[in-house]
Amino acid sequence: MSQMMPPDMSAALGGGAPAPAAGGLPPDIGALLGGGAAPDQSLPSIKDGTHGGGEEALTTALDALQDAIDNEADQEDIQVMLQCQAKLQGILAKNQKEADSAMGGSLGPSAARKMAGGLGA
């Protein structure tokens, strides 16, 4: 990978030439890309979660995305963030729709799977 990138980019990602004076990537992002400090291992893995159990994390992510959108000047970056925001909102809306249907006596397969704790997934 370092052969395809300029030396300063390669250094920022954790290999090759010395890092540029302006800094580099945050340690957690650098670690995910193969360099820098390791990310916090205390976070749960994806397989440790429950169906529909991430609502608080989704809300936190949406709040963070909105902050980023409010502070970004580049319209292309804003567009990407808005797409991400719409996808996350879609998950919350789907969960709400399933909850509303279940309250009305109509329990779809996805809602039943969530209530069963992921059995059959």
Protein backbone atom coordinates (compact mmCIF):
# COMPACT_ATOMS: atom_id res chain seq x y z
CA MET A 1 0.00 0.00 0.00
CA SER A 2 2.83 2.40 0.78
CA GLN A 3 4.14 2.07 -2.79
CA MET A 4 0.91 3.53 -4.15
CA MET A 5 0.88 6.60 -1.89
CA PRO A 6 3.08 9.66 -1.56
CA PRO A 7 5.60 9.39 1.33
CA ASP A 8 3.76 11.91 3.53
CA MET A 9 0.46 10.00 3.20
CA SER A 10 2.20 6.70 3.87
CA ALA A 11 3.86 8.16 6.97
CA ALA A 12 0.54 9.51 8.24
CA LEU A 13 -0.91 6.00 7.91
CA GLY A 14 1.91 4.48 9.92
CA GLY A 15 4.67 3.45 7.55
CA GLY A 16 7.39 4.72 5.23
CA ALA A 17 8.88 8.21 5.46
CA PRO A 18 8.74 10.40 8.57
CA ALA A 19 5.38 11.92 9.42
CA PRO A 20 4.67 15.45 8.19
CA ALA A 21 5.18 18.28 10.66
CA ALA A 22 1.48 19.17 10.59
CA GLY A 23 0.59 15.99 12.47
CA GLY A 24 -1.20 12.91 11.24
CA LEU A 25 -4.26 10.84 11.84
CA PRO A 26 -5.83 10.38 15.25
CA PRO A 27 -4.49 7.19 16.92
CA ASP A 28 -7.76 5.25 16.64
CA ILE A 29 -8.13 5.93 12.91
CA GLY A 30 -4.44 5.28 12.32
CA ALA A 31 -4.72 1.95 14.13
CA LEU A 32 -7.69 0.93 12.01
CA LEU A 33 -5.66 1.71 8.89
CA GLY A 34 -2.66 -0.28 10.08
CA GLY A 35 -0.52 2.19 12.01
CA GLY A 36 -0.48 4.15 15.24
CA ALA A 37 -1.81 3.13 18.64
CA ALA A 38 -4.33 0.33 19.02
CA PRO A 39 -7.97 1.32 19.53
CA ASP A 40 -9.68 0.80 22.87
CA GLN A 41 -10.33 -2.94 23.15
CA SER A 42 -13.01 -2.50 25.84
CA LEU A 43 -15.68 -1.72 23.23
CA PRO A 44 -18.06 -4.60 22.50
CA SER A 45 -17.80 -6.44 19.22
CA ILE A 46 -20.61 -6.38 16.66
CA LYS A 47 -21.53 -9.97 17.51
CA ASP A 48 -22.00 -9.03 21.20
CA GLY A 49 -24.94 -6.71 20.42
CA THR A 50 -28.65 -7.39 20.37
CA HIS A 51 -31.17 -6.74 17.61
CA GLY A 52 -32.54 -3.23 18.01
CA GLY A 53 -30.24 -2.58 20.97
CA GLY A 54 -28.22 0.20 19.39
CA GLU A 55 -30.76 3.01 19.54
CA GLU A 56 -28.74 5.08 22.02
CA ALA A 57 -25.58 4.68 19.93
CA LEU A 58 -27.50 5.62 16.77
CA THR A 59 -28.82 8.77 18.45
CA THR A 60 -25.29 9.66 19.60
CA ALA A 61 -23.96 9.09 16.07
CA LEU A 62 -26.72 11.24 14.57
CA ASP A 63 -25.92 14.04 17.02
CA ALA A 64 -22.22 13.82 16.13
CA LEU A 65 -23.01 13.82 12.42
CA GLN A 66 -25.19 16.90 12.82
CA ASP A 67 -22.34 18.68 14.64
CA ALA A 68 -19.98 17.75 11.80
CA ILE A 69 -22.46 18.97 9.19
CA ASP A 70 -22.92 22.26 11.04
CA ASN A 71 -19.15 22.82 11.15
CA GLU A 72 -18.20 21.63 7.65
CA ALA A 73 -17.67 24.09 4.78
CA ASP A 74 -17.05 21.59 1.96
CA GLN A 75 -20.34 20.85 0.19
CA GLU A 76 -19.20 17.43 -1.04
CA ASP A 77 -18.36 16.36 2.50
CA ILE A 78 -21.70 17.68 3.74
CA GLN A 79 -23.48 15.63 1.07
CA VAL A 80 -21.76 12.41 2.20
CA MET A 81 -22.59 13.17 5.84
CA LEU A 82 -26.23 13.86 4.93
CA GLN A 83 -26.41 10.47 3.19
CA CYS A 84 -25.01 8.77 6.29
CA GLN A 85 -27.46 10.68 8.44
CA ALA A 86 -30.38 9.57 6.25
CA LYS A 87 -29.29 5.91 6.49
CA LEU A 88 -29.08 6.08 10.30
CA GLN A 89 -32.45 7.85 10.49
CA GLY A 90 -33.85 5.05 8.31
CA ILE A 91 -32.80 2.46 10.89
CA LEU A 92 -34.50 4.39 13.70
CA ALA A 93 -37.64 4.86 11.58
CA LYS A 94 -37.76 1.14 10.71
CA ASN A 95 -37.41 0.21 14.37
CA GLN A 96 -40.20 2.62 15.31
CA LYS A 97 -42.46 1.25 12.57
CA GLU A 98 -41.88 -2.32 13.79
CA ALA A 99 -42.61 -1.28 17.39
CA ASP A 100 -45.81 0.47 16.30
CA SER A 101 -46.92 -2.58 14.29
CA ALA A 102 -46.26 -4.88 17.24
CA MET A 103 -48.39 -2.66 19.48
CA GLY A 104 -51.20 -2.96 16.92
CA GLY A 105 -51.01 -6.76 16.99
CA SER A 106 -49.07 -7.20 13.76
CA LEU A 107 -45.67 -8.70 14.49
CA GLY A 108 -43.44 -9.00 11.42
CA PRO A 109 -40.56 -11.49 11.13
CA SER A 110 -37.90 -8.85 11.80
CA ALA A 111 -39.62 -7.63 14.97
CA ALA A 112 -40.16 -11.23 16.15
CA ARG A 113 -36.45 -11.96 15.59
CA LYS A 114 -35.51 -8.89 17.61
CA MET A 115 -37.81 -9.90 20.45
CA ALA A 116 -36.37 -13.44 20.40
CA GLY A 117 -32.87 -12.03 20.83
CA GLY A 118 -31.65 -12.77 17.31
CA LEU A 119 -32.63 -16.44 17.05
CA GLY A 120 -32.74 -17.58 13.46
CA ALA A 121 -30.62 -14.68 12.25
